[in-house]
Amino acid sequence: MPVGPAAAPGPADPPRRIGFIGLGVMGRHMARHLLAAGHRLMGFDTDPTAGADLPRAASAAEAVDGAEVVFTMLPQGQAVAEAVAAMGPALAPGAILVDCSSAEPWQTRQTGAALAERGVAMVDAPVSGAEWGARDARLVFMAGGAAADLERVRPLLMRMGRAVFHLGPLGAGHAMKALNNVVTALTALVTTEAMLAGKAAGLSPAAMCAVLNVSTGQSFWSTERLAQDVPNRAFADGFRLSLMRKDVEIACRLAEEVGIAVPLISMGRAMWAEADRALPGAPVTAIVRWQEDRAGLTLTEDPDPQRESREP
């Protein structure tokens, strides 16, 4: 079983007919890379403004008609199942569906079984790398499914990313995605909590973040999310808080199914759920704002009283 990065494909990859369902924050960039590689792509999104510069069909069925490979990049597994149902017979036997969504492994296995009855293969290949990873073709794919099916689409994945990992049978990729995201989710909570404690003790948030980012406390959250959205108070990240909550819920259910106690993850689950209820529709970085409200502090820079006293 291949378990690590694969070399990027060469320029001679034969063009394929591709359907791409989900042209939002991530999908639009991914679709552009496939088009740039010379593939014949037709996209669809229920939002008529999403990926407006891309070739678009009027329906999911029209987008996948005649496609050899279909990509889905949707919010969760039920949306993927509904998209597959909407494709109907236009998704022909011999095609392969690659689900890059962040979905529930059990839902993925159900969808895969339904597709197999129609002679359509499925690979789950969720991603890590955020919007800029999609934009710069630097995504990491965590794949589940038959090895032969993954090899059919590996060159396409490598057009959109920098590494492909085969985790196991169908659903394994989505399991790994949830576990990756729950690590990020709990790191977000503890990093913000620690920095709020430091702020209360008189430390500068910018200085604390700078120290973390060259020390053992460094993380994706401290290097990217905090620097991106918090000092400027933008809280405009494209990934929604509700989607992170969903991934934490998936990770908890996975642990419950195999009988593993996860007390820290369970605590994080309750906190993300509370934040989602308090901030419906908010971006993921708004978890900082929620924690700030609880602490009665903000991770902003206070004026330096010594500096002010020296000013004329």
C-alpha atoms as a PDB file:
ATOM      1  CA  MET A   1       0.000   0.000   0.000  1.00  0.00           C
ATOM      2  CA  PRO A   2       1.492   3.375  -0.966  1.00  0.00           C
ATOM      3  CA  VAL A   3       1.668   5.513   2.154  1.00  0.00           C
ATOM      4  CA  GLY A   4       3.560   8.621   1.181  1.00  0.00           C
ATOM      5  CA  PRO A   5       3.900  11.426  -1.323  1.00  0.00           C
ATOM      6  CA  ALA A   6       3.992  10.601  -5.000  1.00  0.00           C
ATOM      7  CA  ALA A   7       5.886  12.411  -7.700  1.00  0.00           C
ATOM      8  CA  ALA A   8       3.941  14.962  -9.702  1.00  0.00           C
ATOM      9  CA  PRO A   9       2.728  13.722 -13.086  1.00  0.00           C
ATOM     10  CA  GLY A  10       4.439  14.818 -16.238  1.00  0.00           C
ATOM     11  CA  PRO A  11       2.994  17.088 -18.926  1.00  0.00           C
ATOM     12  CA  ALA A  12       1.941  14.115 -21.073  1.00  0.00           C
ATOM     13  CA  ASP A  13      -0.978  13.050 -18.850  1.00  0.00           C
ATOM     14  CA  PRO A  14      -3.792  12.243 -21.282  1.00  0.00           C
ATOM     15  CA  PRO A  15      -6.723  14.669 -21.146  1.00  0.00           C
ATOM     16  CA  ARG A  16      -9.829  13.326 -19.442  1.00  0.00           C
ATOM     17  CA  ARG A  17     -13.462  14.340 -19.302  1.00  0.00           C
ATOM     18  CA  ILE A  18     -14.071  15.483 -15.708  1.00  0.00           C
ATOM     19  CA  GLY A  19     -17.174  16.540 -13.829  1.00  0.00           C
ATOM     20  CA  PHE A  20     -16.606  18.743 -10.775  1.00  0.00           C
ATOM     21  CA  ILE A  21     -19.414  19.219  -8.253  1.00  0.00           C
ATOM     22  CA  GLY A  22     -18.818  21.975  -5.698  1.00  0.00           C
ATOM     23  CA  LEU A  23     -17.092  25.141  -6.905  1.00  0.00           C
ATOM     24  CA  GLY A  24     -16.836  26.993  -3.614  1.00  0.00           C
ATOM     25  CA  VAL A  25     -13.837  28.175  -1.606  1.00  0.00           C
ATOM     26  CA  MET A  26     -11.750  25.066  -2.351  1.00  0.00           C
ATOM     27  CA  GLY A  27     -13.347  23.496  -5.397  1.00  0.00           C
ATOM     28  CA  ARG A  28     -13.006  26.458  -7.717  1.00  0.00           C
ATOM     29  CA  HIS A  29      -9.214  26.506  -7.322  1.00  0.00           C
ATOM     30  CA  MET A  30      -8.935  22.744  -7.690  1.00  0.00           C
ATOM     31  CA  ALA A  31     -11.006  22.785 -10.867  1.00  0.00           C
ATOM     32  CA  ARG A  32      -8.822  25.520 -12.356  1.00  0.00           C
ATOM     33  CA  HIS A  33      -5.691  23.379 -11.943  1.00  0.00           C
ATOM     34  CA  LEU A  34      -7.346  20.505 -13.803  1.00  0.00           C
ATOM     35  CA  LEU A  35      -8.382  22.824 -16.608  1.00  0.00           C
ATOM     36  CA  ALA A  36      -4.867  24.278 -16.772  1.00  0.00           C
ATOM     37  CA  ALA A  37      -3.515  20.733 -17.187  1.00  0.00           C
ATOM     38  CA  GLY A  38      -5.602  20.338 -20.349  1.00  0.00           C
ATOM     39  CA  HIS A  39      -8.475  18.260 -19.007  1.00  0.00           C
ATOM     40  CA  ARG A  40     -12.020  18.784 -20.280  1.00  0.00           C
ATOM     41  CA  LEU A  41     -13.950  19.857 -17.202  1.00  0.00           C
ATOM     42  CA  MET A  42     -17.557  20.755 -16.575  1.00  0.00           C
ATOM     43  CA  GLY A  43     -18.546  22.064 -13.147  1.00  0.00           C
ATOM     44  CA  PHE A  44     -21.706  22.537 -11.163  1.00  0.00           C
ATOM     45  CA  ASP A  45     -22.638  24.269  -7.931  1.00  0.00           C
ATOM     46  CA  THR A  46     -26.021  25.038  -6.419  1.00  0.00           C
ATOM     47  CA  ASP A  47     -24.738  28.587  -5.885  1.00  0.00           C
ATOM     48  CA  PRO A  48     -24.937  30.239  -9.326  1.00  0.00           C
ATOM     49  CA  THR A  49     -22.146  32.668  -8.406  1.00  0.00           C
ATOM     50  CA  ALA A  50     -19.613  30.001  -7.342  1.00  0.00           C
ATOM     51  CA  GLY A  51     -16.835  29.458  -9.851  1.00  0.00           C
ATOM     52  CA  ALA A  52     -18.538  31.770 -12.320  1.00  0.00           C
ATOM     53  CA  ASP A  53     -15.390  31.910 -14.475  1.00  0.00           C
ATOM     54  CA  LEU A  54     -15.351  28.106 -14.928  1.00  0.00           C
ATOM     55  CA  PRO A  55     -17.221  25.963 -17.467  1.00  0.00           C
ATOM     56  CA  ARG A  56     -20.534  25.326 -15.717  1.00  0.00           C
ATOM     57  CA  ALA A  57     -23.471  23.051 -16.341  1.00  0.00           C
ATOM     58  CA  ALA A  58     -27.089  23.690 -15.416  1.00  0.00           C
ATOM     59  CA  SER A  59     -27.287  20.572 -13.246  1.00  0.00           C
ATOM     60  CA  ALA A  60     -25.161  17.904 -11.609  1.00  0.00           C
ATOM     61  CA  ALA A  61     -26.388  15.381 -14.184  1.00  0.00           C
ATOM     62  CA  GLU A  62     -25.294  17.598 -17.058  1.00  0.00           C
ATOM     63  CA  ALA A  63     -21.884  18.195 -15.441  1.00  0.00           C
ATOM     64  CA  VAL A  64     -21.100  14.472 -15.165  1.00  0.00           C
ATOM     65  CA  ASP A  65     -22.626  13.323 -18.451  1.00  0.00           C
ATOM     66  CA  GLY A  66     -19.884  11.394 -20.249  1.00  0.00           C
ATOM     67  CA  ALA A  67     -17.317  12.055 -17.490  1.00  0.00           C
ATOM     68  CA  GLU A  68     -14.618   9.492 -16.786  1.00  0.00           C
ATOM     69  CA  VAL A  69     -13.877  11.038 -13.384  1.00  0.00           C
ATOM     70  CA  VAL A  70     -16.167  13.050 -11.133  1.00  0.00           C
ATOM     71  CA  PHE A  71     -14.924  15.136  -8.194  1.00  0.00           C
ATOM     72  CA  THR A  72     -17.140  16.263  -5.345  1.00  0.00           C
ATOM     73  CA  MET A  73     -16.099  19.015  -2.935  1.00  0.00           C
ATOM     74  CA  LEU A  74     -19.094  19.529  -0.642  1.00  0.00           C
ATOM     75  CA  PRO A  75     -19.736  20.369   3.047  1.00  0.00           C
ATOM     76  CA  GLN A  76     -20.556  16.856   4.321  1.00  0.00           C
ATOM     77  CA  GLY A  77     -21.455  13.307   3.348  1.00  0.00           C
ATOM     78  CA  GLN A  78     -25.203  13.792   3.034  1.00  0.00           C
ATOM     79  CA  ALA A  79     -24.610  16.517   0.457  1.00  0.00           C
ATOM     80  CA  VAL A  80     -22.424  14.082  -1.494  1.00  0.00           C
ATOM     81  CA  ALA A  81     -25.133  11.411  -1.377  1.00  0.00           C
ATOM     82  CA  GLU A  82     -27.696  13.929  -2.613  1.00  0.00           C
ATOM     83  CA  ALA A  83     -25.375  15.042  -5.416  1.00  0.00           C
ATOM     84  CA  VAL A  84     -24.865  11.421  -6.485  1.00  0.00           C
ATOM     85  CA  ALA A  85     -28.624  10.920  -6.530  1.00  0.00           C
ATOM     86  CA  ALA A  86     -29.001  14.066  -8.664  1.00  0.00           C
ATOM     87  CA  MET A  87     -26.458  12.731 -11.160  1.00  0.00           C
ATOM     88  CA  GLY A  88     -28.705   9.771 -11.883  1.00  0.00           C
ATOM     89  CA  PRO A  89     -27.862   7.619 -14.906  1.00  0.00           C
ATOM     90  CA  ALA A  90     -25.640  10.391 -16.304  1.00  0.00           C
ATOM     91  CA  LEU A  91     -22.909   8.956 -14.066  1.00  0.00           C
ATOM     92  CA  ALA A  92     -22.147   5.960 -16.251  1.00  0.00           C
ATOM     93  CA  PRO A  93     -20.688   2.538 -15.373  1.00  0.00           C
ATOM     94  CA  GLY A  94     -16.902   2.591 -15.524  1.00  0.00           C
ATOM     95  CA  ALA A  95     -16.654   6.106 -14.122  1.00  0.00           C
ATOM     96  CA  ILE A  96     -15.002   6.871 -10.793  1.00  0.00           C
ATOM     97  CA  LEU A  97     -16.151   9.368  -8.180  1.00  0.00           C
ATOM     98  CA  VAL A  98     -13.508  11.078  -6.036  1.00  0.00           C
ATOM     99  CA  ASP A  99     -14.973  12.713  -2.949  1.00  0.00           C
ATOM    100  CA  CYS A 100     -12.697  15.454  -1.617  1.00  0.00           C
ATOM    101  CA  SER A 101     -15.285  16.658   0.902  1.00  0.00           C
ATOM    102  CA  SER A 102     -14.813  16.423   4.647  1.00  0.00           C
ATOM    103  CA  ALA A 103     -17.412  13.713   5.240  1.00  0.00           C
ATOM    104  CA  GLU A 104     -18.538  10.996   7.617  1.00  0.00           C
ATOM    105  CA  PRO A 105     -16.780   7.672   6.857  1.00  0.00           C
ATOM    106  CA  TRP A 106     -19.979   5.661   7.453  1.00  0.00           C
ATOM    107  CA  GLN A 107     -21.874   7.867   4.973  1.00  0.00           C
ATOM    108  CA  THR A 108     -19.034   7.470   2.478  1.00  0.00           C
ATOM    109  CA  ARG A 109     -19.223   3.682   2.683  1.00  0.00           C
ATOM    110  CA  GLN A 110     -22.990   3.805   2.066  1.00  0.00           C
ATOM    111  CA  THR A 111     -22.545   6.055  -0.956  1.00  0.00           C
ATOM    112  CA  GLY A 112     -19.731   3.849  -2.254  1.00  0.00           C
ATOM    113  CA  ALA A 113     -21.886   0.721  -1.968  1.00  0.00           C
ATOM    114  CA  ALA A 114     -24.707   2.401  -3.891  1.00  0.00           C
ATOM    115  CA  LEU A 115     -22.276   3.475  -6.617  1.00  0.00           C
ATOM    116  CA  ALA A 116     -20.725   0.003  -6.842  1.00  0.00           C
ATOM    117  CA  GLU A 117     -24.153  -1.425  -7.679  1.00  0.00           C
ATOM    118  CA  ARG A 118     -24.137   0.887 -10.704  1.00  0.00           C
ATOM    119  CA  GLY A 119     -20.608  -0.090 -11.749  1.00  0.00           C
ATOM    120  CA  VAL A 120     -19.079   3.176 -10.544  1.00  0.00           C
ATOM    121  CA  ALA A 121     -15.969   3.152  -8.344  1.00  0.00           C
ATOM    122  CA  MET A 122     -15.366   5.581  -5.476  1.00  0.00           C
ATOM    123  CA  VAL A 123     -12.334   7.000  -3.702  1.00  0.00           C
ATOM    124  CA  ASP A 124     -12.548   9.317  -0.711  1.00  0.00           C
ATOM    125  CA  ALA A 125      -9.745  11.868  -0.877  1.00  0.00           C
ATOM    126  CA  PRO A 126     -10.320  14.755   1.538  1.00  0.00           C
ATOM    127  CA  VAL A 127      -7.673  17.445   1.710  1.00  0.00           C
ATOM    128  CA  SER A 128      -5.562  19.500   4.059  1.00  0.00           C
ATOM    129  CA  GLY A 129      -4.058  22.821   3.101  1.00  0.00           C
ATOM    130  CA  ALA A 130      -6.834  25.411   3.352  1.00  0.00           C
ATOM    131  CA  GLU A 131      -7.795  27.779   0.543  1.00  0.00           C
ATOM    132  CA  TRP A 132      -4.232  28.855  -0.236  1.00  0.00           C
ATOM    133  CA  GLY A 133      -3.210  25.223  -0.569  1.00  0.00           C
ATOM    134  CA  ALA A 134      -5.966  24.743  -3.125  1.00  0.00           C
ATOM    135  CA  ARG A 135      -4.993  27.941  -4.905  1.00  0.00           C
ATOM    136  CA  ASP A 136      -1.301  27.024  -5.086  1.00  0.00           C
ATOM    137  CA  ALA A 137      -1.796  23.296  -5.835  1.00  0.00           C
ATOM    138  CA  ARG A 138      -0.213  22.428  -2.473  1.00  0.00           C
ATOM    139  CA  LEU A 139      -2.984  20.286  -1.016  1.00  0.00           C
ATOM    140  CA  VAL A 140      -2.342  17.027   0.827  1.00  0.00           C
ATOM    141  CA  PHE A 141      -4.809  14.248  -0.071  1.00  0.00           C
ATOM    142  CA  MET A 142      -5.781  11.560   2.448  1.00  0.00           C
ATOM    143  CA  ALA A 143      -7.247   8.758   0.358  1.00  0.00           C
ATOM    144  CA  GLY A 144      -9.344   5.709   1.024  1.00  0.00           C
ATOM    145  CA  GLY A 145     -10.480   3.068  -1.439  1.00  0.00           C
ATOM    146  CA  ALA A 146      -9.058   0.297  -3.575  1.00  0.00           C
ATOM    147  CA  ALA A 147      -5.412   0.837  -4.509  1.00  0.00           C
ATOM    148  CA  ALA A 148      -6.167   0.337  -8.202  1.00  0.00           C
ATOM    149  CA  ASP A 149      -8.903   2.970  -8.098  1.00  0.00           C
ATOM    150  CA  LEU A 150      -6.596   5.452  -6.404  1.00  0.00           C
ATOM    151  CA  GLU A 151      -3.926   4.904  -9.057  1.00  0.00           C
ATOM    152  CA  ARG A 152      -6.481   5.778 -11.749  1.00  0.00           C
ATOM    153  CA  VAL A 153      -6.878   9.257 -10.293  1.00  0.00           C
ATOM    154  CA  ARG A 154      -3.501   9.867  -8.644  1.00  0.00           C
ATOM    155  CA  PRO A 155      -2.182  11.975 -11.573  1.00  0.00           C
ATOM    156  CA  LEU A 156      -5.221  14.239 -11.255  1.00  0.00           C
ATOM    157  CA  LEU A 157      -4.757  14.600  -7.505  1.00  0.00           C
ATOM    158  CA  MET A 158      -1.132  15.525  -8.020  1.00  0.00           C
ATOM    159  CA  ARG A 159      -2.197  18.309 -10.360  1.00  0.00           C
ATOM    160  CA  MET A 160      -3.997  19.834  -7.397  1.00  0.00           C
ATOM    161  CA  GLY A 161      -1.660  18.941  -4.556  1.00  0.00           C
ATOM    162  CA  ARG A 162       1.787  17.972  -3.349  1.00  0.00           C
ATOM    163  CA  ALA A 163       1.186  14.606  -1.672  1.00  0.00           C
ATOM    164  CA  VAL A 164      -1.231  11.677  -1.752  1.00  0.00           C
ATOM    165  CA  PHE A 165      -1.477   9.226   1.153  1.00  0.00           C
ATOM    166  CA  HIS A 166      -3.380   5.949   0.863  1.00  0.00           C
ATOM    167  CA  LEU A 167      -4.854   5.259   4.323  1.00  0.00           C
ATOM    168  CA  GLY A 168      -6.832   2.093   3.602  1.00  0.00           C
ATOM    169  CA  PRO A 169     -10.265   1.037   2.312  1.00  0.00           C
ATOM    170  CA  LEU A 170     -13.097   3.378   1.409  1.00  0.00           C
ATOM    171  CA  GLY A 171     -13.823   5.743   4.294  1.00  0.00           C
ATOM    172  CA  ALA A 172     -10.284   5.695   5.667  1.00  0.00           C
ATOM    173  CA  GLY A 173      -9.449   9.021   4.076  1.00  0.00           C
ATOM    174  CA  HIS A 174     -12.433  10.687   5.697  1.00  0.00           C
ATOM    175  CA  ALA A 175     -11.517   9.133   9.048  1.00  0.00           C
ATOM    176  CA  MET A 176      -8.005  10.599   8.793  1.00  0.00           C
ATOM    177  CA  LYS A 177      -9.390  13.999   7.786  1.00  0.00           C
ATOM    178  CA  ALA A 178     -11.590  14.131  10.908  1.00  0.00           C
ATOM    179  CA  LEU A 179      -8.664  13.125  13.116  1.00  0.00           C
ATOM    180  CA  ASN A 180      -6.421  15.750  11.526  1.00  0.00           C
ATOM    181  CA  ASN A 181      -9.049  18.419  12.037  1.00  0.00           C
ATOM    182  CA  VAL A 182      -9.786  17.478  15.628  1.00  0.00           C
ATOM    183  CA  VAL A 183      -6.086  17.981  16.416  1.00  0.00           C
ATOM    184  CA  THR A 184      -6.336  21.441  14.844  1.00  0.00           C
ATOM    185  CA  ALA A 185      -9.591  22.169  16.671  1.00  0.00           C
ATOM    186  CA  LEU A 186      -8.172  21.359  20.104  1.00  0.00           C
ATOM    187  CA  THR A 187      -4.913  23.158  19.318  1.00  0.00           C
ATOM    188  CA  ALA A 188      -6.985  26.242  18.493  1.00  0.00           C
ATOM    189  CA  LEU A 189      -8.722  26.113  21.854  1.00  0.00           C
ATOM    190  CA  VAL A 190      -5.615  25.616  23.989  1.00  0.00           C
ATOM    191  CA  THR A 191      -3.504  28.136  22.049  1.00  0.00           C
ATOM    192  CA  THR A 192      -6.141  30.834  22.395  1.00  0.00           C
ATOM    193  CA  GLU A 193      -6.716  29.992  26.059  1.00  0.00           C
ATOM    194  CA  ALA A 194      -3.001  30.166  26.849  1.00  0.00           C
ATOM    195  CA  MET A 195      -2.623  33.484  25.032  1.00  0.00           C
ATOM    196  CA  LEU A 196      -5.584  34.959  26.911  1.00  0.00           C
ATOM    197  CA  ALA A 197      -3.916  33.915  30.171  1.00  0.00           C
ATOM    198  CA  GLY A 198      -0.716  35.569  28.977  1.00  0.00           C
ATOM    199  CA  LYS A 199      -2.594  38.721  28.016  1.00  0.00           C
ATOM    200  CA  ALA A 200      -4.096  38.870  31.523  1.00  0.00           C
ATOM    201  CA  ALA A 201      -0.565  38.521  32.911  1.00  0.00           C
ATOM    202  CA  GLY A 202       0.591  41.513  30.870  1.00  0.00           C
ATOM    203  CA  LEU A 203       2.174  39.823  27.861  1.00  0.00           C
ATOM    204  CA  SER A 204       1.806  41.124  24.323  1.00  0.00           C
ATOM    205  CA  PRO A 205      -0.305  38.864  22.061  1.00  0.00           C
ATOM    206  CA  ALA A 206       1.980  39.608  19.106  1.00  0.00           C
ATOM    207  CA  ALA A 207       5.065  38.736  21.140  1.00  0.00           C
ATOM    208  CA  MET A 208       3.491  35.530  22.426  1.00  0.00           C
ATOM    209  CA  CYS A 209       2.571  34.455  18.913  1.00  0.00           C
ATOM    210  CA  ALA A 210       6.073  35.246  17.679  1.00  0.00           C
ATOM    211  CA  VAL A 211       7.586  33.100  20.426  1.00  0.00           C
ATOM    212  CA  LEU A 212       5.193  30.202  19.784  1.00  0.00           C
ATOM    213  CA  ASN A 213       6.017  30.248  16.103  1.00  0.00           C
ATOM    214  CA  VAL A 214       9.703  29.546  16.693  1.00  0.00           C
ATOM    215  CA  SER A 215       9.202  27.288  19.698  1.00  0.00           C
ATOM    216  CA  THR A 216       7.644  23.929  20.524  1.00  0.00           C
ATOM    217  CA  GLY A 217       4.175  25.499  20.808  1.00  0.00           C
ATOM    218  CA  GLN A 218       4.151  26.284  17.084  1.00  0.00           C
ATOM    219  CA  SER A 219       1.176  25.022  15.079  1.00  0.00           C
ATOM    220  CA  PHE A 220      -0.824  25.701  11.939  1.00  0.00           C
ATOM    221  CA  TRP A 221      -3.228  27.639  14.137  1.00  0.00           C
ATOM    222  CA  SER A 222      -0.511  29.962  15.453  1.00  0.00           C
ATOM    223  CA  THR A 223       1.326  30.439  12.161  1.00  0.00           C
ATOM    224  CA  GLU A 224      -1.660  30.826   9.856  1.00  0.00           C
ATOM    225  CA  ARG A 225      -5.032  31.308  11.485  1.00  0.00           C
ATOM    226  CA  LEU A 226      -4.076  33.684  14.297  1.00  0.00           C
ATOM    227  CA  ALA A 227      -1.829  35.829  12.146  1.00  0.00           C
ATOM    228  CA  GLN A 228      -4.357  35.860   9.328  1.00  0.00           C
ATOM    229  CA  ASP A 229      -7.531  36.873  11.135  1.00  0.00           C
ATOM    230  CA  VAL A 230      -7.044  37.950  14.751  1.00  0.00           C
ATOM    231  CA  PRO A 231      -4.738  41.024  14.947  1.00  0.00           C
ATOM    232  CA  ASN A 232      -6.752  42.809  12.251  1.00  0.00           C
ATOM    233  CA  ARG A 233     -10.027  41.552  13.801  1.00  0.00           C
ATOM    234  CA  ALA A 234     -11.167  40.414  10.348  1.00  0.00           C
ATOM    235  CA  PHE A 235     -12.471  36.965  11.337  1.00  0.00           C
ATOM    236  CA  ALA A 236     -13.074  36.308   7.659  1.00  0.00           C
ATOM    237  CA  ASP A 237     -11.698  32.807   7.159  1.00  0.00           C
ATOM    238  CA  GLY A 238     -13.483  30.900   4.393  1.00  0.00           C
ATOM    239  CA  PHE A 239     -13.830  27.733   6.498  1.00  0.00           C
ATOM    240  CA  ARG A 240     -16.927  27.876   8.698  1.00  0.00           C
ATOM    241  CA  LEU A 241     -16.900  27.210  12.419  1.00  0.00           C
ATOM    242  CA  SER A 242     -19.836  24.822  11.953  1.00  0.00           C
ATOM    243  CA  LEU A 243     -17.748  22.652   9.631  1.00  0.00           C
ATOM    244  CA  MET A 244     -14.978  22.334  12.202  1.00  0.00           C
ATOM    245  CA  ARG A 245     -17.597  21.400  14.785  1.00  0.00           C
ATOM    246  CA  LYS A 246     -18.858  18.722  12.395  1.00  0.00           C
ATOM    247  CA  ASP A 247     -15.357  17.271  12.016  1.00  0.00           C
ATOM    248  CA  VAL A 248     -14.901  17.183  15.803  1.00  0.00           C
ATOM    249  CA  GLU A 249     -18.209  15.307  16.058  1.00  0.00           C
ATOM    250  CA  ILE A 250     -17.016  12.786  13.454  1.00  0.00           C
ATOM    251  CA  ALA A 251     -13.785  12.186  15.359  1.00  0.00           C
ATOM    252  CA  CYS A 252     -15.711  11.617  18.588  1.00  0.00           C
ATOM    253  CA  ARG A 253     -18.041   9.135  16.932  1.00  0.00           C
ATOM    254  CA  LEU A 254     -15.087   7.263  15.440  1.00  0.00           C
ATOM    255  CA  ALA A 255     -13.581   6.908  18.895  1.00  0.00           C
ATOM    256  CA  GLU A 256     -16.898   5.797  20.371  1.00  0.00           C
ATOM    257  CA  GLU A 257     -17.338   3.131  17.691  1.00  0.00           C
ATOM    258  CA  VAL A 258     -13.996   1.512  18.522  1.00  0.00           C
ATOM    259  CA  GLY A 259     -14.337   1.939  22.291  1.00  0.00           C
ATOM    260  CA  ILE A 260     -11.529   4.440  22.824  1.00  0.00           C
ATOM    261  CA  ALA A 261     -11.989   7.018  25.581  1.00  0.00           C
ATOM    262  CA  VAL A 262     -11.181  10.546  24.384  1.00  0.00           C
ATOM    263  CA  PRO A 263     -11.870  12.862  27.336  1.00  0.00           C
ATOM    264  CA  LEU A 264      -9.977  15.840  25.933  1.00  0.00           C
ATOM    265  CA  ILE A 265     -11.636  15.552  22.523  1.00  0.00           C
ATOM    266  CA  SER A 266     -15.015  15.192  24.246  1.00  0.00           C
ATOM    267  CA  MET A 267     -14.366  18.410  26.186  1.00  0.00           C
ATOM    268  CA  GLY A 268     -13.413  20.125  22.941  1.00  0.00           C
ATOM    269  CA  ARG A 269     -16.554  18.761  21.316  1.00  0.00           C
ATOM    270  CA  ALA A 270     -18.718  20.503  23.920  1.00  0.00           C
ATOM    271  CA  MET A 271     -16.829  23.784  23.504  1.00  0.00           C
ATOM    272  CA  TRP A 272     -17.036  23.810  19.717  1.00  0.00           C
ATOM    273  CA  ALA A 273     -20.741  22.970  19.915  1.00  0.00           C
ATOM    274  CA  GLU A 274     -21.339  25.858  22.332  1.00  0.00           C
ATOM    275  CA  ALA A 275     -19.395  28.265  20.124  1.00  0.00           C
ATOM    276  CA  ASP A 276     -21.327  27.152  17.047  1.00  0.00           C
ATOM    277  CA  ARG A 277     -24.634  27.789  18.816  1.00  0.00           C
ATOM    278  CA  ALA A 278     -23.437  31.222  19.940  1.00  0.00           C
ATOM    279  CA  LEU A 279     -22.015  32.237  16.542  1.00  0.00           C
ATOM    280  CA  PRO A 280     -24.135  30.633  13.793  1.00  0.00           C
ATOM    281  CA  GLY A 281     -22.617  30.988  10.327  1.00  0.00           C
ATOM    282  CA  ALA A 282     -19.334  32.384  11.688  1.00  0.00           C
ATOM    283  CA  PRO A 283     -15.877  31.639  10.220  1.00  0.00           C
ATOM    284  CA  VAL A 284     -13.688  29.160  12.068  1.00  0.00           C
ATOM    285  CA  THR A 285     -11.414  31.858  13.491  1.00  0.00           C
ATOM    286  CA  ALA A 286     -14.407  33.311  15.351  1.00  0.00           C
ATOM    287  CA  ILE A 287     -13.700  30.623  17.978  1.00  0.00           C
ATOM    288  CA  VAL A 288     -11.125  33.156  19.230  1.00  0.00           C
ATOM    289  CA  ARG A 289     -13.805  35.812  19.576  1.00  0.00           C
ATOM    290  CA  TRP A 290     -15.990  33.350  21.496  1.00  0.00           C
ATOM    291  CA  GLN A 291     -13.131  32.546  23.886  1.00  0.00           C
ATOM    292  CA  GLU A 292     -12.341  36.251  24.260  1.00  0.00           C
ATOM    293  CA  ASP A 293     -15.940  36.926  25.284  1.00  0.00           C
ATOM    294  CA  ARG A 294     -15.739  34.190  27.918  1.00  0.00           C
ATOM    295  CA  ALA A 295     -12.479  35.607  29.280  1.00  0.00           C
ATOM    296  CA  GLY A 296     -13.482  39.269  29.087  1.00  0.00           C
ATOM    297  CA  LEU A 297     -10.273  40.056  27.165  1.00  0.00           C
ATOM    298  CA  THR A 298      -9.233  40.500  23.541  1.00  0.00           C
ATOM    299  CA  LEU A 299      -6.004  39.398  21.882  1.00  0.00           C
ATOM    300  CA  THR A 300      -5.234  42.924  20.763  1.00  0.00           C
ATOM    301  CA  GLU A 301      -2.190  45.015  21.578  1.00  0.00           C
ATOM    302  CA  ASP A 302      -2.597  47.409  24.484  1.00  0.00           C
ATOM    303  CA  PRO A 303      -0.770  50.748  24.371  1.00  0.00           C
ATOM    304  CA  ASP A 304       2.615  50.707  26.062  1.00  0.00           C
ATOM    305  CA  PRO A 305       2.163  52.995  29.098  1.00  0.00           C
ATOM    306  CA  GLN A 306       5.925  53.557  29.412  1.00  0.00           C
ATOM    307  CA  ARG A 307       6.127  54.625  25.790  1.00  0.00           C
ATOM    308  CA  GLU A 308       3.177  56.968  26.236  1.00  0.00           C
ATOM    309  CA  SER A 309       4.771  58.542  29.316  1.00  0.00           C
ATOM    310  CA  ARG A 310       7.911  59.319  27.296  1.00  0.00           C
ATOM    311  CA  GLU A 311       5.994  61.061  24.516  1.00  0.00           C
ATOM    312  CA  PRO A 312       5.977  64.882  24.723  1.00  0.00           C
END
